[in-house]
Amino acid sequence: MNTQNVDVHAHEILEMMLASGESYTNESLSAKILERFGAQARFHTCSGSGMDAYEIVDHLWMKGKFTGDPSGFQFLPGSRCDH
């Protein structure tokens, strides 16, 4: 994937998590995001933009998108927005 100037909606991260069925830590999710989208990618949501891989993980926690704790969590499908 060409990652130069890539702007990715957080939904793509959540769908990636759902498809994998895996449990993540903050570190492993950030690493997976970097692997899939590249270090230059920036992420946005309805309420924020310009975030890097680490910032988007923190943002998604603040928005209640995960179930578990930072040492082991999954995407909480019921927290998905409808757009």
PDB file of N, CA and C in Angstrom:
ATOM      1  N   MET A   1       0.839  -1.181   0.000  1.00  0.00           N
ATOM      2  CA  MET A   1       0.000   0.000   0.000  1.00  0.00           C
ATOM      3  C   MET A   1       0.882   1.241   0.000  1.00  0.00           C
ATOM      4  N   ASN A   2       0.531   2.223  -0.806  1.00  0.00           N
ATOM      5  CA  ASN A   2       1.228   3.502  -0.796  1.00  0.00           C
ATOM      6  C   ASN A   2       0.769   4.271   0.429  1.00  0.00           C
ATOM      7  N   THR A   3       1.674   4.542   1.334  1.00  0.00           N
ATOM      8  CA  THR A   3       1.292   5.172   2.589  1.00  0.00           C
ATOM      9  C   THR A   3       1.634   6.645   2.646  1.00  0.00           C
ATOM     10  N   GLN A   4       2.082   7.216   1.537  1.00  0.00           N
ATOM     11  CA  GLN A   4       2.411   8.633   1.521  1.00  0.00           C
ATOM     12  C   GLN A   4       1.122   9.446   1.586  1.00  0.00           C
ATOM     13  N   ASN A   5       1.013  10.304   2.591  1.00  0.00           N
ATOM     14  CA  ASN A   5      -0.151  11.175   2.767  1.00  0.00           C
ATOM     15  C   ASN A   5      -1.469  10.410   2.866  1.00  0.00           C
ATOM     16  N   VAL A   6      -1.469   9.243   3.430  1.00  0.00           N
ATOM     17  CA  VAL A   6      -2.693   8.456   3.575  1.00  0.00           C
ATOM     18  C   VAL A   6      -3.490   8.986   4.762  1.00  0.00           C
ATOM     19  N   ASP A   7      -4.771   9.243   4.545  1.00  0.00           N
ATOM     20  CA  ASP A   7      -5.688   9.659   5.599  1.00  0.00           C
ATOM     21  C   ASP A   7      -6.725   8.557   5.740  1.00  0.00           C
ATOM     22  N   VAL A   8      -6.740   7.905   6.884  1.00  0.00           N
ATOM     23  CA  VAL A   8      -7.538   6.704   7.094  1.00  0.00           C
ATOM     24  C   VAL A   8      -8.579   6.968   8.178  1.00  0.00           C
ATOM     25  N   HIS A   9      -9.824   6.577   7.906  1.00  0.00           N
ATOM     26  CA  HIS A   9     -10.857   6.687   8.939  1.00  0.00           C
ATOM     27  C   HIS A   9     -10.649   5.562   9.953  1.00  0.00           C
ATOM     28  N   ALA A  10     -10.905   5.847  11.207  1.00  0.00           N
ATOM     29  CA  ALA A  10     -10.736   4.859  12.280  1.00  0.00           C
ATOM     30  C   ALA A  10     -11.582   3.613  12.060  1.00  0.00           C
ATOM     31  N   HIS A  11     -12.660   3.723  11.296  1.00  0.00           N
ATOM     32  CA  HIS A  11     -13.475   2.535  11.009  1.00  0.00           C
ATOM     33  C   HIS A  11     -12.636   1.424  10.391  1.00  0.00           C
ATOM     34  N   GLU A  12     -11.644   1.784   9.592  1.00  0.00           N
ATOM     35  CA  GLU A  12     -10.794   0.765   8.969  1.00  0.00           C
ATOM     36  C   GLU A  12      -9.994  -0.004  10.016  1.00  0.00           C
ATOM     37  N   ILE A  13      -9.573   0.670  11.058  1.00  0.00           N
ATOM     38  CA  ILE A  13      -8.858   0.000  12.157  1.00  0.00           C
ATOM     39  C   ILE A  13      -9.812  -0.934  12.886  1.00  0.00           C
ATOM     40  N   LEU A  14     -11.000  -0.457  13.183  1.00  0.00           N
ATOM     41  CA  LEU A  14     -11.974  -1.269  13.912  1.00  0.00           C
ATOM     42  C   LEU A  14     -12.391  -2.488  13.102  1.00  0.00           C
ATOM     43  N   GLU A  15     -12.574  -2.318  11.809  1.00  0.00           N
ATOM     44  CA  GLU A  15     -12.915  -3.465  10.946  1.00  0.00           C
ATOM     45  C   GLU A  15     -11.762  -4.466  10.890  1.00  0.00           C
ATOM     46  N   MET A  16     -10.523  -3.970  10.854  1.00  0.00           N
ATOM     47  CA  MET A  16      -9.349  -4.838  10.874  1.00  0.00           C
ATOM     48  C   MET A  16      -9.333  -5.671  12.162  1.00  0.00           C
ATOM     49  N   MET A  17      -9.629  -5.018  13.275  1.00  0.00           N
ATOM     50  CA  MET A  17      -9.656  -5.724  14.559  1.00  0.00           C
ATOM     51  C   MET A  17     -10.743  -6.783  14.578  1.00  0.00           C
ATOM     52  N   LEU A  18     -11.919  -6.418  14.113  1.00  0.00           N
ATOM     53  CA  LEU A  18     -13.047  -7.342  14.103  1.00  0.00           C
ATOM     54  C   LEU A  18     -12.749  -8.558  13.230  1.00  0.00           C
ATOM     55  N   ALA A  19     -12.192  -8.322  12.055  1.00  0.00           N
ATOM     56  CA  ALA A  19     -11.882  -9.409  11.120  1.00  0.00           C
ATOM     57  C   ALA A  19     -10.831 -10.360  11.686  1.00  0.00           C
ATOM     58  N   SER A  20      -9.894  -9.828  12.466  1.00  0.00           N
ATOM     59  CA  SER A  20      -8.822 -10.678  12.989  1.00  0.00           C
ATOM     60  C   SER A  20      -9.300 -11.567  14.130  1.00  0.00           C
ATOM     61  N   GLY A  21     -10.283 -11.089  14.898  1.00  0.00           N
ATOM     62  CA  GLY A  21     -10.752 -11.847  16.057  1.00  0.00           C
ATOM     63  C   GLY A  21      -9.736 -11.916  17.178  1.00  0.00           C
ATOM     64  N   GLU A  22      -8.651 -11.179  17.044  1.00  0.00           N
ATOM     65  CA  GLU A  22      -7.572 -11.210  18.030  1.00  0.00           C
ATOM     66  C   GLU A  22      -7.839 -10.252  19.177  1.00  0.00           C
ATOM     67  N   SER A  23      -7.125 -10.480  20.264  1.00  0.00           N
ATOM     68  CA  SER A  23      -7.079  -9.555  21.377  1.00  0.00           C
ATOM     69  C   SER A  23      -5.783  -8.770  21.235  1.00  0.00           C
ATOM     70  N   TYR A  24      -5.808  -7.498  21.574  1.00  0.00           N
ATOM     71  CA  TYR A  24      -4.656  -6.626  21.399  1.00  0.00           C
ATOM     72  C   TYR A  24      -4.248  -5.976  22.706  1.00  0.00           C
ATOM     73  N   THR A  25      -3.019  -5.507  22.747  1.00  0.00           N
ATOM     74  CA  THR A  25      -2.556  -4.577  23.763  1.00  0.00           C
ATOM     75  C   THR A  25      -2.403  -3.234  23.054  1.00  0.00           C
ATOM     76  N   ASN A  26      -2.233  -2.160  23.796  1.00  0.00           N
ATOM     77  CA  ASN A  26      -1.999  -0.864  23.144  1.00  0.00           C
ATOM     78  C   ASN A  26      -0.820  -0.959  22.194  1.00  0.00           C
ATOM     79  N   GLU A  27       0.242  -1.635  22.631  1.00  0.00           N
ATOM     80  CA  GLU A  27       1.452  -1.752  21.826  1.00  0.00           C
ATOM     81  C   GLU A  27       1.235  -2.611  20.587  1.00  0.00           C
ATOM     82  N   SER A  28       0.554  -3.750  20.744  1.00  0.00           N
ATOM     83  CA  SER A  28       0.381  -4.635  19.588  1.00  0.00           C
ATOM     84  C   SER A  28      -0.577  -4.029  18.564  1.00  0.00           C
ATOM     85  N   LEU A  29      -1.599  -3.292  19.019  1.00  0.00           N
ATOM     86  CA  LEU A  29      -2.501  -2.655  18.069  1.00  0.00           C
ATOM     87  C   LEU A  29      -1.784  -1.529  17.326  1.00  0.00           C
ATOM     88  N   SER A  30      -1.020  -0.730  18.041  1.00  0.00           N
ATOM     89  CA  SER A  30      -0.259   0.338  17.379  1.00  0.00           C
ATOM     90  C   SER A  30       0.693  -0.249  16.343  1.00  0.00           C
ATOM     91  N   ALA A  31       1.366  -1.349  16.685  1.00  0.00           N
ATOM     92  CA  ALA A  31       2.291  -2.001  15.751  1.00  0.00           C
ATOM     93  C   ALA A  31       1.548  -2.531  14.527  1.00  0.00           C
ATOM     94  N   LYS A  32       0.376  -3.122  14.733  1.00  0.00           N
ATOM     95  CA  LYS A  32      -0.424  -3.654  13.619  1.00  0.00           C
ATOM     96  C   LYS A  32      -0.888  -2.521  12.705  1.00  0.00           C
ATOM     97  N   ILE A  33      -1.285  -1.401  13.295  1.00  0.00           N
ATOM     98  CA  ILE A  33      -1.700  -0.231  12.514  1.00  0.00           C
ATOM     99  C   ILE A  33      -0.534   0.270  11.672  1.00  0.00           C
ATOM    100  N   LEU A  34       0.644   0.379  12.277  1.00  0.00           N
ATOM    101  CA  LEU A  34       1.829   0.834  11.548  1.00  0.00           C
ATOM    102  C   LEU A  34       2.174  -0.128  10.416  1.00  0.00           C
ATOM    103  N   GLU A  35       2.070  -1.429  10.692  1.00  0.00           N
ATOM    104  CA  GLU A  35       2.366  -2.447   9.675  1.00  0.00           C
ATOM    105  C   GLU A  35       1.393  -2.350   8.503  1.00  0.00           C
ATOM    106  N   ARG A  36       0.142  -2.190   8.796  1.00  0.00           N
ATOM    107  CA  ARG A  36      -0.882  -2.199   7.737  1.00  0.00           C
ATOM    108  C   ARG A  36      -0.959  -0.883   6.968  1.00  0.00           C
ATOM    109  N   PHE A  37      -0.879   0.245   7.685  1.00  0.00           N
ATOM    110  CA  PHE A  37      -1.117   1.528   7.040  1.00  0.00           C
ATOM    111  C   PHE A  37       0.147   2.369   6.840  1.00  0.00           C
ATOM    112  N   GLY A  38       1.225   2.027   7.523  1.00  0.00           N
ATOM    113  CA  GLY A  38       2.481   2.757   7.385  1.00  0.00           C
ATOM    114  C   GLY A  38       2.630   3.888   8.386  1.00  0.00           C
ATOM    115  N   ALA A  39       3.869   4.260   8.620  1.00  0.00           N
ATOM    116  CA  ALA A  39       4.187   5.290   9.617  1.00  0.00           C
ATOM    117  C   ALA A  39       3.720   6.681   9.202  1.00  0.00           C
ATOM    118  N   GLN A  40       3.548   6.900   7.900  1.00  0.00           N
ATOM    119  CA  GLN A  40       3.133   8.221   7.428  1.00  0.00           C
ATOM    120  C   GLN A  40       1.613   8.427   7.476  1.00  0.00           C
ATOM    121  N   ALA A  41       0.874   7.344   7.654  1.00  0.00           N
ATOM    122  CA  ALA A  41      -0.584   7.443   7.664  1.00  0.00           C
ATOM    123  C   ALA A  41      -1.059   8.274   8.847  1.00  0.00           C
ATOM    124  N   ARG A  42      -2.132   9.008   8.624  1.00  0.00           N
ATOM    125  CA  ARG A  42      -2.795   9.763   9.667  1.00  0.00           C
ATOM    126  C   ARG A  42      -4.237   9.306   9.707  1.00  0.00           C
ATOM    127  N   PHE A  43      -4.834   9.396  10.879  1.00  0.00           N
ATOM    128  CA  PHE A  43      -6.148   8.819  11.117  1.00  0.00           C
ATOM    129  C   PHE A  43      -7.127   9.881  11.580  1.00  0.00           C
ATOM    130  N   HIS A  44      -8.396   9.666  11.217  1.00  0.00           N
ATOM    131  CA  HIS A  44      -9.432  10.596  11.635  1.00  0.00           C
ATOM    132  C   HIS A  44     -10.680   9.842  12.072  1.00  0.00           C
ATOM    133  N   THR A  45     -11.485  10.543  12.851  1.00  0.00           N
ATOM    134  CA  THR A  45     -12.799  10.073  13.292  1.00  0.00           C
ATOM    135  C   THR A  45     -13.759  11.234  13.073  1.00  0.00           C
ATOM    136  N   CYS A  46     -14.977  11.071  13.524  1.00  0.00           N
ATOM    137  CA  CYS A  46     -15.956  12.162  13.433  1.00  0.00           C
ATOM    138  C   CYS A  46     -15.516  13.352  14.281  1.00  0.00           C
ATOM    139  N   SER A  47     -14.736  13.094  15.319  1.00  0.00           N
ATOM    140  CA  SER A  47     -14.408  14.145  16.277  1.00  0.00           C
ATOM    141  C   SER A  47     -12.928  14.496  16.358  1.00  0.00           C
ATOM    142  N   GLY A  48     -12.109  13.985  15.466  1.00  0.00           N
ATOM    143  CA  GLY A  48     -10.687  14.311  15.507  1.00  0.00           C
ATOM    144  C   GLY A  48      -9.989  13.897  14.231  1.00  0.00           C
ATOM    145  N   SER A  49      -8.848  14.540  13.971  1.00  0.00           N
ATOM    146  CA  SER A  49      -8.098  14.199  12.756  1.00  0.00           C
ATOM    147  C   SER A  49      -6.612  14.436  12.975  1.00  0.00           C
ATOM    148  N   GLY A  50      -5.813  13.955  12.020  1.00  0.00           N
ATOM    149  CA  GLY A  50      -4.372  14.165  12.059  1.00  0.00           C
ATOM    150  C   GLY A  50      -3.641  13.311  13.079  1.00  0.00           C
ATOM    151  N   MET A  51      -4.259  12.231  13.544  1.00  0.00           N
ATOM    152  CA  MET A  51      -3.656  11.390  14.586  1.00  0.00           C
ATOM    153  C   MET A  51      -2.737  10.342  13.991  1.00  0.00           C
ATOM    154  N   ASP A  52      -1.656  10.038  14.728  1.00  0.00           N
ATOM    155  CA  ASP A  52      -0.782   8.944  14.328  1.00  0.00           C
ATOM    156  C   ASP A  52      -1.308   7.643  14.957  1.00  0.00           C
ATOM    157  N   ALA A  53      -0.605   6.548  14.750  1.00  0.00           N
ATOM    158  CA  ALA A  53      -1.069   5.236  15.223  1.00  0.00           C
ATOM    159  C   ALA A  53      -1.274   5.202  16.736  1.00  0.00           C
ATOM    160  N   TYR A  54      -0.396   5.834  17.480  1.00  0.00           N
ATOM    161  CA  TYR A  54      -0.492   5.811  18.942  1.00  0.00           C
ATOM    162  C   TYR A  54      -1.628   6.705  19.430  1.00  0.00           C
ATOM    163  N   GLU A  55      -1.769   7.841  18.790  1.00  0.00           N
ATOM    164  CA  GLU A  55      -2.833   8.771  19.171  1.00  0.00           C
ATOM    165  C   GLU A  55      -4.213   8.215  18.859  1.00  0.00           C
ATOM    166  N   ILE A  56      -4.359   7.509  17.733  1.00  0.00           N
ATOM    167  CA  ILE A  56      -5.677   6.961  17.394  1.00  0.00           C
ATOM    168  C   ILE A  56      -6.068   5.865  18.376  1.00  0.00           C
ATOM    169  N   VAL A  57      -5.123   5.071  18.843  1.00  0.00           N
ATOM    170  CA  VAL A  57      -5.440   4.040  19.848  1.00  0.00           C
ATOM    171  C   VAL A  57      -5.952   4.721  21.114  1.00  0.00           C
ATOM    172  N   ASP A  58      -5.261   5.752  21.574  1.00  0.00           N
ATOM    173  CA  ASP A  58      -5.714   6.490  22.762  1.00  0.00           C
ATOM    174  C   ASP A  58      -7.095   7.101  22.536  1.00  0.00           C
ATOM    175  N   HIS A  59      -7.297   7.676  21.365  1.00  0.00           N
ATOM    176  CA  HIS A  59      -8.573   8.304  21.031  1.00  0.00           C
ATOM    177  C   HIS A  59      -9.705   7.278  21.066  1.00  0.00           C
ATOM    178  N   LEU A  60      -9.470   6.099  20.493  1.00  0.00           N
ATOM    179  CA  LEU A  60     -10.502   5.062  20.469  1.00  0.00           C
ATOM    180  C   LEU A  60     -10.828   4.580  21.881  1.00  0.00           C
ATOM    181  N   TRP A  61      -9.832   4.534  22.756  1.00  0.00           N
ATOM    182  CA  TRP A  61     -10.096   4.203  24.164  1.00  0.00           C
ATOM    183  C   TRP A  61     -11.018   5.247  24.775  1.00  0.00           C
ATOM    184  N   MET A  62     -10.698   6.520  24.541  1.00  0.00           N
ATOM    185  CA  MET A  62     -11.501   7.605  25.122  1.00  0.00           C
ATOM    186  C   MET A  62     -12.938   7.582  24.607  1.00  0.00           C
ATOM    187  N   LYS A  63     -13.144   7.080  23.405  1.00  0.00           N
ATOM    188  CA  LYS A  63     -14.477   7.007  22.810  1.00  0.00           C
ATOM    189  C   LYS A  63     -15.225   5.724  23.178  1.00  0.00           C
ATOM    190  N   GLY A  64     -14.609   4.854  24.005  1.00  0.00           N
ATOM    191  CA  GLY A  64     -15.293   3.647  24.461  1.00  0.00           C
ATOM    192  C   GLY A  64     -15.450   2.576  23.410  1.00  0.00           C
ATOM    193  N   LYS A  65     -14.516   2.482  22.469  1.00  0.00           N
ATOM    194  CA  LYS A  65     -14.624   1.521  21.369  1.00  0.00           C
ATOM    195  C   LYS A  65     -14.092   0.133  21.698  1.00  0.00           C
ATOM    196  N   PHE A  66     -13.442  -0.019  22.844  1.00  0.00           N
ATOM    197  CA  PHE A  66     -12.814  -1.292  23.189  1.00  0.00           C
ATOM    198  C   PHE A  66     -13.434  -1.892  24.438  1.00  0.00           C
ATOM    199  N   THR A  67     -13.338  -3.212  24.530  1.00  0.00           N
ATOM    200  CA  THR A  67     -13.730  -3.909  25.738  1.00  0.00           C
ATOM    201  C   THR A  67     -12.502  -4.637  26.266  1.00  0.00           C
ATOM    202  N   GLY A  68     -12.271  -4.557  27.571  1.00  0.00           N
ATOM    203  CA  GLY A  68     -11.085  -5.113  28.206  1.00  0.00           C
ATOM    204  C   GLY A  68     -10.289  -3.993  28.834  1.00  0.00           C
ATOM    205  N   ASP A  69      -8.992  -4.186  28.919  1.00  0.00           N
ATOM    206  CA  ASP A  69      -8.113  -3.141  29.432  1.00  0.00           C
ATOM    207  C   ASP A  69      -6.889  -3.053  28.525  1.00  0.00           C
ATOM    208  N   PRO A  70      -6.021  -2.037  28.715  1.00  0.00           N
ATOM    209  CA  PRO A  70      -4.902  -1.851  27.786  1.00  0.00           C
ATOM    210  C   PRO A  70      -3.969  -3.051  27.633  1.00  0.00           C
ATOM    211  N   SER A  71      -4.031  -4.007  28.548  1.00  0.00           N
ATOM    212  CA  SER A  71      -3.163  -5.182  28.435  1.00  0.00           C
ATOM    213  C   SER A  71      -3.825  -6.315  27.650  1.00  0.00           C
ATOM    214  N   GLY A  72      -5.103  -6.168  27.309  1.00  0.00           N
ATOM    215  CA  GLY A  72      -5.804  -7.177  26.525  1.00  0.00           C
ATOM    216  C   GLY A  72      -7.214  -6.724  26.206  1.00  0.00           C
ATOM    217  N   PHE A  73      -7.466  -6.323  24.955  1.00  0.00           N
ATOM    218  CA  PHE A  73      -8.775  -5.801  24.597  1.00  0.00           C
ATOM    219  C   PHE A  73      -9.136  -6.156  23.166  1.00  0.00           C
ATOM    220  N   GLN A  74     -10.423  -5.982  22.872  1.00  0.00           N
ATOM    221  CA  GLN A  74     -10.969  -6.185  21.523  1.00  0.00           C
ATOM    222  C   GLN A  74     -11.894  -5.020  21.209  1.00  0.00           C
ATOM    223  N   PHE A  75     -12.213  -4.889  19.933  1.00  0.00           N
ATOM    224  CA  PHE A  75     -13.184  -3.903  19.498  1.00  0.00           C
ATOM    225  C   PHE A  75     -14.543  -4.302  20.020  1.00  0.00           C
ATOM    226  N   LEU A  76     -15.278  -3.355  20.541  1.00  0.00           N
ATOM    227  CA  LEU A  76     -16.628  -3.582  21.056  1.00  0.00           C
ATOM    228  C   LEU A  76     -17.615  -3.242  19.934  1.00  0.00           C
ATOM    229  N   PRO A  77     -18.095  -4.250  19.168  1.00  0.00           N
ATOM    230  CA  PRO A  77     -18.930  -3.972  17.991  1.00  0.00           C
ATOM    231  C   PRO A  77     -20.152  -3.110  18.281  1.00  0.00           C
ATOM    232  N   GLY A  78     -20.705  -3.194  19.473  1.00  0.00           N
ATOM    233  CA  GLY A  78     -21.868  -2.387  19.811  1.00  0.00           C
ATOM    234  C   GLY A  78     -21.580  -0.910  19.881  1.00  0.00           C
ATOM    235  N   SER A  79     -20.296  -0.531  19.871  1.00  0.00           N
ATOM    236  CA  SER A  79     -19.918   0.875  19.948  1.00  0.00           C
ATOM    237  C   SER A  79     -19.731   1.488  18.569  1.00  0.00           C
ATOM    238  N   ARG A  80     -19.980   0.708  17.533  1.00  0.00           N
ATOM    239  CA  ARG A  80     -19.813   1.177  16.153  1.00  0.00           C
ATOM    240  C   ARG A  80     -20.830   2.264  15.845  1.00  0.00           C
ATOM    241  N   CYS A  81     -20.385   3.309  15.177  1.00  0.00           N
ATOM    242  CA  CYS A  81     -21.327   4.343  14.740  1.00  0.00           C
ATOM    243  C   CYS A  81     -21.845   3.983  13.350  1.00  0.00           C
ATOM    244  N   ASP A  82     -22.993   4.502  12.994  1.00  0.00           N
ATOM    245  CA  ASP A  82     -23.667   4.108  11.756  1.00  0.00           C
ATOM    246  C   ASP A  82     -23.488   5.109  10.627  1.00  0.00           C
ATOM    247  N   HIS A  83     -22.264   5.276  10.172  1.00  0.00           N
ATOM    248  CA  HIS A  83     -22.055   6.129   8.997  1.00  0.00           C
ATOM    249  C   HIS A  83     -20.917   5.598   8.179  1.00  0.00           C
TER     250      HIS A  83
END
